[in-house]
Amino acid sequence: MRNLASSRKGIGAVSLILVLIVAFVGAFLLYRNWQSGLEAEKSAPETIPSGPRVAPPFTLHDTNGNIYSSSRLAGKPTVINFFATWCPPCKAEIPGFVEVYNKHRSKGFELVGISLDTDTRGNLAGFLMTQKIEYTVLFGDLATARAYGGVSSIPTTFFVGKDGEIKNVHVGYIDRDTFDEEVRKLL
């Protein structure tokens, strides 16, 4: 009986060690993949592959529950930024966005943030205050992301000319100077 009990304990201990090893390796691989994803998000701007295209229309709710239509943006140089409150590169680029928006808003420039948060929608109001965001922020949805080509990574920023055509797309973090340069091209 003793041999049977001690062999069961041995099998249990070996099983536990194997589970811990698999969990550690899995966590390491996820972390490594996450780190390489952050580096990939700092890539150069992507250009529209098939020539100019018109920015898709949308109707979404703002943070006060009001309906906001993209028709308000007609004839205005606009940046549409898909982001999430939990996304480190998204948070990092916002101070530059705020600065550039305040610099160019008197020239008719519009900046619209579309939050792709799902579980953390309740955090958005506090996030806006903490980040000192004064530009329009809307609750996004999968349909809007799909209309813009299936936003596959966040942040993703669309630069839209006065004519409503998407002039440039930047996937990943964008620094203040590059953002300002792209906005000035729209003015």
C-alpha atoms as a PDB file:
ATOM      1  CA  MET A   1       0.000   0.000   0.000  1.00  0.00           C
ATOM      2  CA  ARG A   2       2.793   2.353   0.848  1.00  0.00           C
ATOM      3  CA  ASN A   3       4.431   1.899  -2.552  1.00  0.00           C
ATOM      4  CA  LEU A   4       1.133   2.621  -4.296  1.00  0.00           C
ATOM      5  CA  ALA A   5       0.559   5.793  -2.242  1.00  0.00           C
ATOM      6  CA  SER A   6       4.107   7.050  -2.744  1.00  0.00           C
ATOM      7  CA  SER A   7       3.986   6.317  -6.490  1.00  0.00           C
ATOM      8  CA  ARG A   8       0.726   8.308  -6.750  1.00  0.00           C
ATOM      9  CA  LYS A   9       2.396  11.219  -4.958  1.00  0.00           C
ATOM     10  CA  GLY A  10       5.347  10.935  -7.342  1.00  0.00           C
ATOM     11  CA  ILE A  11       3.068  10.950 -10.396  1.00  0.00           C
ATOM     12  CA  GLY A  12       1.171  13.926  -8.966  1.00  0.00           C
ATOM     13  CA  ALA A  13       4.399  15.833  -8.352  1.00  0.00           C
ATOM     14  CA  VAL A  14       5.694  15.092 -11.868  1.00  0.00           C
ATOM     15  CA  SER A  15       2.347  16.167 -13.353  1.00  0.00           C
ATOM     16  CA  LEU A  16       2.417  19.404 -11.378  1.00  0.00           C
ATOM     17  CA  ILE A  17       5.974  20.142 -12.511  1.00  0.00           C
ATOM     18  CA  LEU A  18       5.037  19.504 -16.164  1.00  0.00           C
ATOM     19  CA  VAL A  19       1.995  21.793 -15.904  1.00  0.00           C
ATOM     20  CA  LEU A  20       4.134  24.543 -14.368  1.00  0.00           C
ATOM     21  CA  ILE A  21       6.759  24.188 -17.108  1.00  0.00           C
ATOM     22  CA  VAL A  22       4.111  24.371 -19.856  1.00  0.00           C
ATOM     23  CA  ALA A  23       2.509  27.410 -18.173  1.00  0.00           C
ATOM     24  CA  PHE A  24       5.882  29.155 -17.860  1.00  0.00           C
ATOM     25  CA  VAL A  25       6.817  28.481 -21.497  1.00  0.00           C
ATOM     26  CA  GLY A  26       3.370  29.646 -22.638  1.00  0.00           C
ATOM     27  CA  ALA A  27       3.613  32.844 -20.602  1.00  0.00           C
ATOM     28  CA  PHE A  28       7.109  33.504 -21.944  1.00  0.00           C
ATOM     29  CA  LEU A  29       5.965  33.044 -25.560  1.00  0.00           C
ATOM     30  CA  LEU A  30       2.953  35.321 -25.035  1.00  0.00           C
ATOM     31  CA  TYR A  31       5.176  37.980 -23.482  1.00  0.00           C
ATOM     32  CA  ARG A  32       7.690  37.729 -26.328  1.00  0.00           C
ATOM     33  CA  ASN A  33       4.905  37.965 -28.907  1.00  0.00           C
ATOM     34  CA  TRP A  34       3.444  40.988 -27.086  1.00  0.00           C
ATOM     35  CA  GLN A  35       6.852  42.723 -27.041  1.00  0.00           C
ATOM     36  CA  SER A  36       7.413  42.133 -30.752  1.00  0.00           C
ATOM     37  CA  GLY A  37       3.891  43.431 -31.386  1.00  0.00           C
ATOM     38  CA  LEU A  38       4.753  46.691 -29.638  1.00  0.00           C
ATOM     39  CA  GLU A  39       7.787  47.096 -31.882  1.00  0.00           C
ATOM     40  CA  ALA A  40       5.711  46.345 -34.983  1.00  0.00           C
ATOM     41  CA  GLU A  41       3.189  49.002 -33.947  1.00  0.00           C
ATOM     42  CA  LYS A  42       5.917  51.633 -34.198  1.00  0.00           C
ATOM     43  CA  SER A  43       6.125  51.029 -37.952  1.00  0.00           C
ATOM     44  CA  ALA A  44       6.212  53.640 -40.682  1.00  0.00           C
ATOM     45  CA  PRO A  45       2.941  54.965 -42.081  1.00  0.00           C
ATOM     46  CA  GLU A  46       1.100  52.713 -44.489  1.00  0.00           C
ATOM     47  CA  THR A  47      -0.199  54.225 -47.676  1.00  0.00           C
ATOM     48  CA  ILE A  48      -3.473  53.379 -49.328  1.00  0.00           C
ATOM     49  CA  PRO A  49      -2.656  50.600 -51.814  1.00  0.00           C
ATOM     50  CA  SER A  50      -5.368  51.153 -54.428  1.00  0.00           C
ATOM     51  CA  GLY A  51      -5.390  54.908 -54.801  1.00  0.00           C
ATOM     52  CA  PRO A  52      -7.575  57.361 -52.947  1.00  0.00           C
ATOM     53  CA  ARG A  53     -10.797  56.196 -51.370  1.00  0.00           C
ATOM     54  CA  VAL A  54     -13.544  58.064 -49.615  1.00  0.00           C
ATOM     55  CA  ALA A  55     -13.687  57.739 -45.843  1.00  0.00           C
ATOM     56  CA  PRO A  56     -16.664  55.532 -44.960  1.00  0.00           C
ATOM     57  CA  PRO A  57     -19.580  57.292 -43.252  1.00  0.00           C
ATOM     58  CA  PHE A  58     -20.441  56.376 -39.679  1.00  0.00           C
ATOM     59  CA  THR A  59     -22.946  57.194 -36.978  1.00  0.00           C
ATOM     60  CA  LEU A  60     -21.784  56.477 -33.428  1.00  0.00           C
ATOM     61  CA  HIS A  61     -22.485  57.606 -29.883  1.00  0.00           C
ATOM     62  CA  ASP A  62     -20.282  60.063 -28.066  1.00  0.00           C
ATOM     63  CA  THR A  63     -19.364  59.734 -24.405  1.00  0.00           C
ATOM     64  CA  ASN A  64     -22.521  61.637 -23.377  1.00  0.00           C
ATOM     65  CA  GLY A  65     -24.774  59.236 -25.283  1.00  0.00           C
ATOM     66  CA  ASN A  66     -25.458  61.684 -28.121  1.00  0.00           C
ATOM     67  CA  ILE A  67     -25.499  60.483 -31.720  1.00  0.00           C
ATOM     68  CA  TYR A  68     -22.581  61.756 -33.798  1.00  0.00           C
ATOM     69  CA  SER A  69     -22.583  61.500 -37.589  1.00  0.00           C
ATOM     70  CA  SER A  70     -19.472  61.718 -39.738  1.00  0.00           C
ATOM     71  CA  SER A  71     -21.444  64.089 -41.992  1.00  0.00           C
ATOM     72  CA  ARG A  72     -20.332  66.807 -39.519  1.00  0.00           C
ATOM     73  CA  LEU A  73     -16.817  66.350 -40.886  1.00  0.00           C
ATOM     74  CA  ALA A  74     -17.697  67.162 -44.511  1.00  0.00           C
ATOM     75  CA  GLY A  75     -15.265  69.659 -46.030  1.00  0.00           C
ATOM     76  CA  LYS A  76     -12.921  69.588 -43.038  1.00  0.00           C
ATOM     77  CA  PRO A  77      -9.409  68.167 -42.768  1.00  0.00           C
ATOM     78  CA  THR A  78      -9.901  65.298 -40.329  1.00  0.00           C
ATOM     79  CA  VAL A  79      -7.967  62.639 -38.479  1.00  0.00           C
ATOM     80  CA  ILE A  80      -9.803  59.522 -37.314  1.00  0.00           C
ATOM     81  CA  ASN A  81      -7.924  57.536 -34.688  1.00  0.00           C
ATOM     82  CA  PHE A  82      -8.995  54.040 -33.613  1.00  0.00           C
ATOM     83  CA  PHE A  83      -7.716  53.360 -30.090  1.00  0.00           C
ATOM     84  CA  ALA A  84      -8.422  51.658 -26.762  1.00  0.00           C
ATOM     85  CA  THR A  85      -7.893  52.840 -23.191  1.00  0.00           C
ATOM     86  CA  TRP A  86      -5.874  49.717 -22.292  1.00  0.00           C
ATOM     87  CA  CYS A  87      -3.444  50.111 -25.236  1.00  0.00           C
ATOM     88  CA  PRO A  88       0.022  51.467 -24.192  1.00  0.00           C
ATOM     89  CA  PRO A  89       0.950  52.936 -27.634  1.00  0.00           C
ATOM     90  CA  CYS A  90      -2.504  54.576 -27.808  1.00  0.00           C
ATOM     91  CA  LYS A  91      -1.951  56.262 -24.451  1.00  0.00           C
ATOM     92  CA  ALA A  92       1.568  57.323 -25.437  1.00  0.00           C
ATOM     93  CA  GLU A  93       0.489  59.189 -28.583  1.00  0.00           C
ATOM     94  CA  ILE A  94      -2.448  61.088 -27.051  1.00  0.00           C
ATOM     95  CA  PRO A  95      -0.464  64.007 -25.532  1.00  0.00           C
ATOM     96  CA  GLY A  96       0.942  64.758 -29.000  1.00  0.00           C
ATOM     97  CA  PHE A  97      -2.547  64.499 -30.508  1.00  0.00           C
ATOM     98  CA  VAL A  98      -3.899  66.975 -27.943  1.00  0.00           C
ATOM     99  CA  GLU A  99      -1.078  69.420 -28.643  1.00  0.00           C
ATOM    100  CA  VAL A 100      -1.447  69.239 -32.438  1.00  0.00           C
ATOM    101  CA  TYR A 101      -5.253  69.428 -32.237  1.00  0.00           C
ATOM    102  CA  ASN A 102      -5.093  72.580 -30.113  1.00  0.00           C
ATOM    103  CA  LYS A 103      -2.547  74.072 -32.526  1.00  0.00           C
ATOM    104  CA  HIS A 104      -4.650  73.508 -35.686  1.00  0.00           C
ATOM    105  CA  ARG A 105      -8.306  73.437 -34.580  1.00  0.00           C
ATOM    106  CA  SER A 106      -8.750  77.144 -35.396  1.00  0.00           C
ATOM    107  CA  LYS A 107      -7.975  76.217 -39.035  1.00  0.00           C
ATOM    108  CA  GLY A 108     -10.975  73.869 -39.169  1.00  0.00           C
ATOM    109  CA  PHE A 109      -9.009  70.738 -38.305  1.00  0.00           C
ATOM    110  CA  GLU A 110     -11.053  67.956 -36.693  1.00  0.00           C
ATOM    111  CA  LEU A 111      -9.745  65.024 -34.679  1.00  0.00           C
ATOM    112  CA  VAL A 112     -12.057  62.138 -33.830  1.00  0.00           C
ATOM    113  CA  GLY A 113     -11.036  59.306 -31.550  1.00  0.00           C
ATOM    114  CA  ILE A 114     -12.995  56.081 -31.949  1.00  0.00           C
ATOM    115  CA  SER A 115     -12.699  53.883 -28.886  1.00  0.00           C
ATOM    116  CA  LEU A 116     -12.721  50.160 -29.587  1.00  0.00           C
ATOM    117  CA  ASP A 117     -13.016  49.378 -25.883  1.00  0.00           C
ATOM    118  CA  THR A 118     -15.679  46.813 -25.118  1.00  0.00           C
ATOM    119  CA  ASP A 119     -15.292  45.668 -21.522  1.00  0.00           C
ATOM    120  CA  THR A 120     -13.842  48.971 -20.344  1.00  0.00           C
ATOM    121  CA  ARG A 121     -16.346  51.482 -21.761  1.00  0.00           C
ATOM    122  CA  GLY A 122     -17.049  52.703 -18.248  1.00  0.00           C
ATOM    123  CA  ASN A 123     -13.407  53.761 -17.952  1.00  0.00           C
ATOM    124  CA  LEU A 124     -13.561  56.109 -20.944  1.00  0.00           C
ATOM    125  CA  ALA A 125     -14.847  59.238 -19.152  1.00  0.00           C
ATOM    126  CA  GLY A 126     -12.058  59.075 -16.565  1.00  0.00           C
ATOM    127  CA  PHE A 127      -9.538  58.300 -19.308  1.00  0.00           C
ATOM    128  CA  LEU A 128     -10.555  61.442 -21.236  1.00  0.00           C
ATOM    129  CA  MET A 129     -10.101  63.622 -18.153  1.00  0.00           C
ATOM    130  CA  THR A 130      -6.763  62.043 -17.219  1.00  0.00           C
ATOM    131  CA  GLN A 131      -5.438  62.438 -20.767  1.00  0.00           C
ATOM    132  CA  LYS A 132      -6.924  65.990 -21.069  1.00  0.00           C
ATOM    133  CA  ILE A 133      -8.636  65.066 -24.337  1.00  0.00           C
ATOM    134  CA  GLU A 134     -10.758  67.903 -25.739  1.00  0.00           C
ATOM    135  CA  TYR A 135     -11.376  66.470 -29.192  1.00  0.00           C
ATOM    136  CA  THR A 136     -14.386  64.320 -30.081  1.00  0.00           C
ATOM    137  CA  VAL A 137     -14.297  60.735 -28.795  1.00  0.00           C
ATOM    138  CA  LEU A 138     -16.867  58.162 -29.862  1.00  0.00           C
ATOM    139  CA  PHE A 139     -17.733  54.598 -28.892  1.00  0.00           C
ATOM    140  CA  GLY A 140     -16.750  52.502 -31.897  1.00  0.00           C
ATOM    141  CA  ASP A 141     -18.015  49.167 -33.063  1.00  0.00           C
ATOM    142  CA  LEU A 142     -16.867  46.284 -35.218  1.00  0.00           C
ATOM    143  CA  ALA A 143     -18.901  47.491 -38.207  1.00  0.00           C
ATOM    144  CA  THR A 144     -17.113  50.852 -38.251  1.00  0.00           C
ATOM    145  CA  ALA A 145     -13.699  49.204 -37.923  1.00  0.00           C
ATOM    146  CA  ARG A 146     -14.616  46.852 -40.800  1.00  0.00           C
ATOM    147  CA  ALA A 147     -15.757  49.778 -42.964  1.00  0.00           C
ATOM    148  CA  TYR A 148     -12.313  51.313 -42.567  1.00  0.00           C
ATOM    149  CA  GLY A 149     -10.668  48.186 -43.910  1.00  0.00           C
ATOM    150  CA  GLY A 150     -10.859  45.979 -40.856  1.00  0.00           C
ATOM    151  CA  VAL A 151      -8.664  47.827 -38.383  1.00  0.00           C
ATOM    152  CA  SER A 152      -6.309  44.996 -37.465  1.00  0.00           C
ATOM    153  CA  SER A 153      -4.103  46.809 -34.974  1.00  0.00           C
ATOM    154  CA  ILE A 154      -4.473  49.721 -32.646  1.00  0.00           C
ATOM    155  CA  PRO A 155      -3.750  52.478 -32.713  1.00  0.00           C
ATOM    156  CA  THR A 156      -4.636  53.027 -36.362  1.00  0.00           C
ATOM    157  CA  THR A 157      -4.917  56.598 -37.630  1.00  0.00           C
ATOM    158  CA  PHE A 158      -6.627  57.749 -40.845  1.00  0.00           C
ATOM    159  CA  PHE A 159      -5.782  61.131 -42.365  1.00  0.00           C
ATOM    160  CA  VAL A 160      -8.781  62.417 -44.340  1.00  0.00           C
ATOM    161  CA  GLY A 161      -8.615  65.414 -46.671  1.00  0.00           C
ATOM    162  CA  LYS A 162     -11.209  68.170 -47.090  1.00  0.00           C
ATOM    163  CA  ASP A 163     -12.513  66.201 -50.079  1.00  0.00           C
ATOM    164  CA  GLY A 164     -13.354  63.259 -47.807  1.00  0.00           C
ATOM    165  CA  GLU A 165     -10.653  61.024 -49.275  1.00  0.00           C
ATOM    166  CA  ILE A 166      -8.308  59.041 -47.050  1.00  0.00           C
ATOM    167  CA  LYS A 167      -4.875  60.473 -47.811  1.00  0.00           C
ATOM    168  CA  ASN A 168      -2.790  58.318 -45.485  1.00  0.00           C
ATOM    169  CA  VAL A 169      -3.065  55.575 -42.871  1.00  0.00           C
ATOM    170  CA  HIS A 170      -0.673  55.075 -39.995  1.00  0.00           C
ATOM    171  CA  VAL A 171      -0.747  51.803 -38.079  1.00  0.00           C
ATOM    172  CA  GLY A 172       0.825  51.882 -34.631  1.00  0.00           C
ATOM    173  CA  TYR A 173       2.250  54.622 -32.461  1.00  0.00           C
ATOM    174  CA  ILE A 174       2.800  57.982 -34.146  1.00  0.00           C
ATOM    175  CA  ASP A 175       4.991  60.637 -32.540  1.00  0.00           C
ATOM    176  CA  ARG A 176       3.904  64.276 -32.224  1.00  0.00           C
ATOM    177  CA  ASP A 177       6.186  65.635 -34.957  1.00  0.00           C
ATOM    178  CA  THR A 178       5.135  63.039 -37.535  1.00  0.00           C
ATOM    179  CA  PHE A 179       1.485  63.550 -36.586  1.00  0.00           C
ATOM    180  CA  ASP A 180       1.828  67.335 -36.968  1.00  0.00           C
ATOM    181  CA  GLU A 181       3.514  66.912 -40.352  1.00  0.00           C
ATOM    182  CA  GLU A 182       0.684  64.670 -41.609  1.00  0.00           C
ATOM    183  CA  VAL A 183      -1.974  67.073 -40.302  1.00  0.00           C
ATOM    184  CA  ARG A 184      -0.295  70.054 -42.005  1.00  0.00           C
ATOM    185  CA  LYS A 185      -0.535  68.173 -45.327  1.00  0.00           C
ATOM    186  CA  LEU A 186      -4.319  68.129 -44.879  1.00  0.00           C
ATOM    187  CA  LEU A 187      -4.722  71.857 -44.124  1.00  0.00           C
END
